[in-house]
Amino acid sequence: MISVEVNGQRQEIPSGLNIRTLLDFLGVDPQRVAVELNRAIIRKTEWEATMLAANDQIEVVMFVGGGRG
């Protein structure tokens, strides 16, 4: 296990996760989010190759639908 910060909260996650597997671990729908790692936005095409390390700061931003109807 490693300690990371997810949306401002310290959390223990299994070591060896990449961004895609982190979203699975958190139960987050990958189709509706953007991910920032250590203050840099990570493109979806890079999620599989971006491995997480201890003390990383991760922001998962959910897209919300809506608008005028």
Protein backbone atom coordinates (compact mmCIF):
# COMPACT_ATOMS: atom_id res chain seq x y z
CA MET A 1 0.00 0.00 0.00
CA ILE A 2 1.08 3.58 -0.65
CA SER A 3 -0.25 6.87 0.64
CA VAL A 4 -1.51 9.45 -1.89
CA GLU A 5 -3.75 12.49 -1.75
CA VAL A 6 -7.01 12.21 -3.71
CA ASN A 7 -9.07 15.39 -3.97
CA GLY A 8 -7.40 16.79 -0.88
CA GLN A 9 -7.84 13.66 1.26
CA ARG A 10 -4.98 11.36 2.26
CA GLN A 11 -5.76 7.80 1.17
CA GLU A 12 -4.04 4.42 1.15
CA ILE A 13 -4.12 2.65 -2.21
CA PRO A 14 -2.48 -0.53 -3.49
CA SER A 15 0.98 0.01 -4.96
CA GLY A 16 1.38 -0.56 -8.69
CA LEU A 17 -1.75 1.30 -9.80
CA ASN A 18 -1.90 3.52 -12.84
CA ILE A 19 -4.50 6.26 -13.25
CA ARG A 20 -6.98 3.94 -15.01
CA THR A 21 -6.78 1.27 -12.31
CA LEU A 22 -6.98 3.95 -9.60
CA LEU A 23 -10.33 5.07 -11.02
CA ASP A 24 -11.52 1.45 -10.92
CA PHE A 25 -10.30 1.14 -7.32
CA LEU A 26 -12.20 4.34 -6.40
CA GLY A 27 -15.35 3.22 -8.23
CA VAL A 28 -15.25 6.23 -10.56
CA ASP A 29 -16.68 6.14 -14.10
CA PRO A 30 -13.69 6.98 -16.33
CA GLN A 31 -15.95 8.37 -19.06
CA ARG A 32 -17.04 11.31 -16.92
CA VAL A 33 -13.82 12.59 -15.35
CA ALA A 34 -10.61 14.49 -15.93
CA VAL A 35 -7.52 13.66 -13.88
CA GLU A 36 -4.76 15.94 -12.64
CA LEU A 37 -1.59 14.42 -11.21
CA ASN A 38 0.76 16.66 -9.24
CA ARG A 39 -0.84 19.75 -10.81
CA ALA A 40 -0.61 18.50 -14.41
CA ILE A 41 -3.62 17.35 -16.41
CA ILE A 42 -3.10 13.81 -17.69
CA ARG A 43 -4.72 12.92 -21.01
CA LYS A 44 -6.89 9.81 -21.11
CA THR A 45 -4.53 8.31 -23.68
CA GLU A 46 -1.77 8.45 -21.01
CA TRP A 47 -3.74 6.98 -18.08
CA GLU A 48 -2.58 3.38 -18.60
CA ALA A 49 1.10 4.38 -18.76
CA THR A 50 1.01 6.82 -15.83
CA MET A 51 1.97 4.92 -12.70
CA LEU A 52 1.21 6.36 -9.27
CA ALA A 53 3.80 6.80 -6.54
CA ALA A 54 3.73 7.53 -2.81
CA ASN A 55 2.76 11.10 -1.96
CA ASP A 56 1.30 11.87 -5.40
CA GLN A 57 -1.44 14.49 -5.42
CA ILE A 58 -4.37 13.46 -7.57
CA GLU A 59 -7.44 15.49 -8.45
CA VAL A 60 -10.37 13.68 -10.04
CA VAL A 61 -12.81 16.17 -11.53
CA MET A 62 -16.29 14.91 -12.38
CA PHE A 63 -18.11 16.27 -15.41
CA VAL A 64 -21.70 17.20 -14.64
CA GLY A 65 -24.29 17.37 -17.39
CA GLY A 66 -26.92 19.98 -17.51
CA GLY A 67 -27.70 23.34 -18.91
CA ARG A 68 -30.73 25.26 -19.95
CA GLY A 69 -33.76 23.31 -20.98
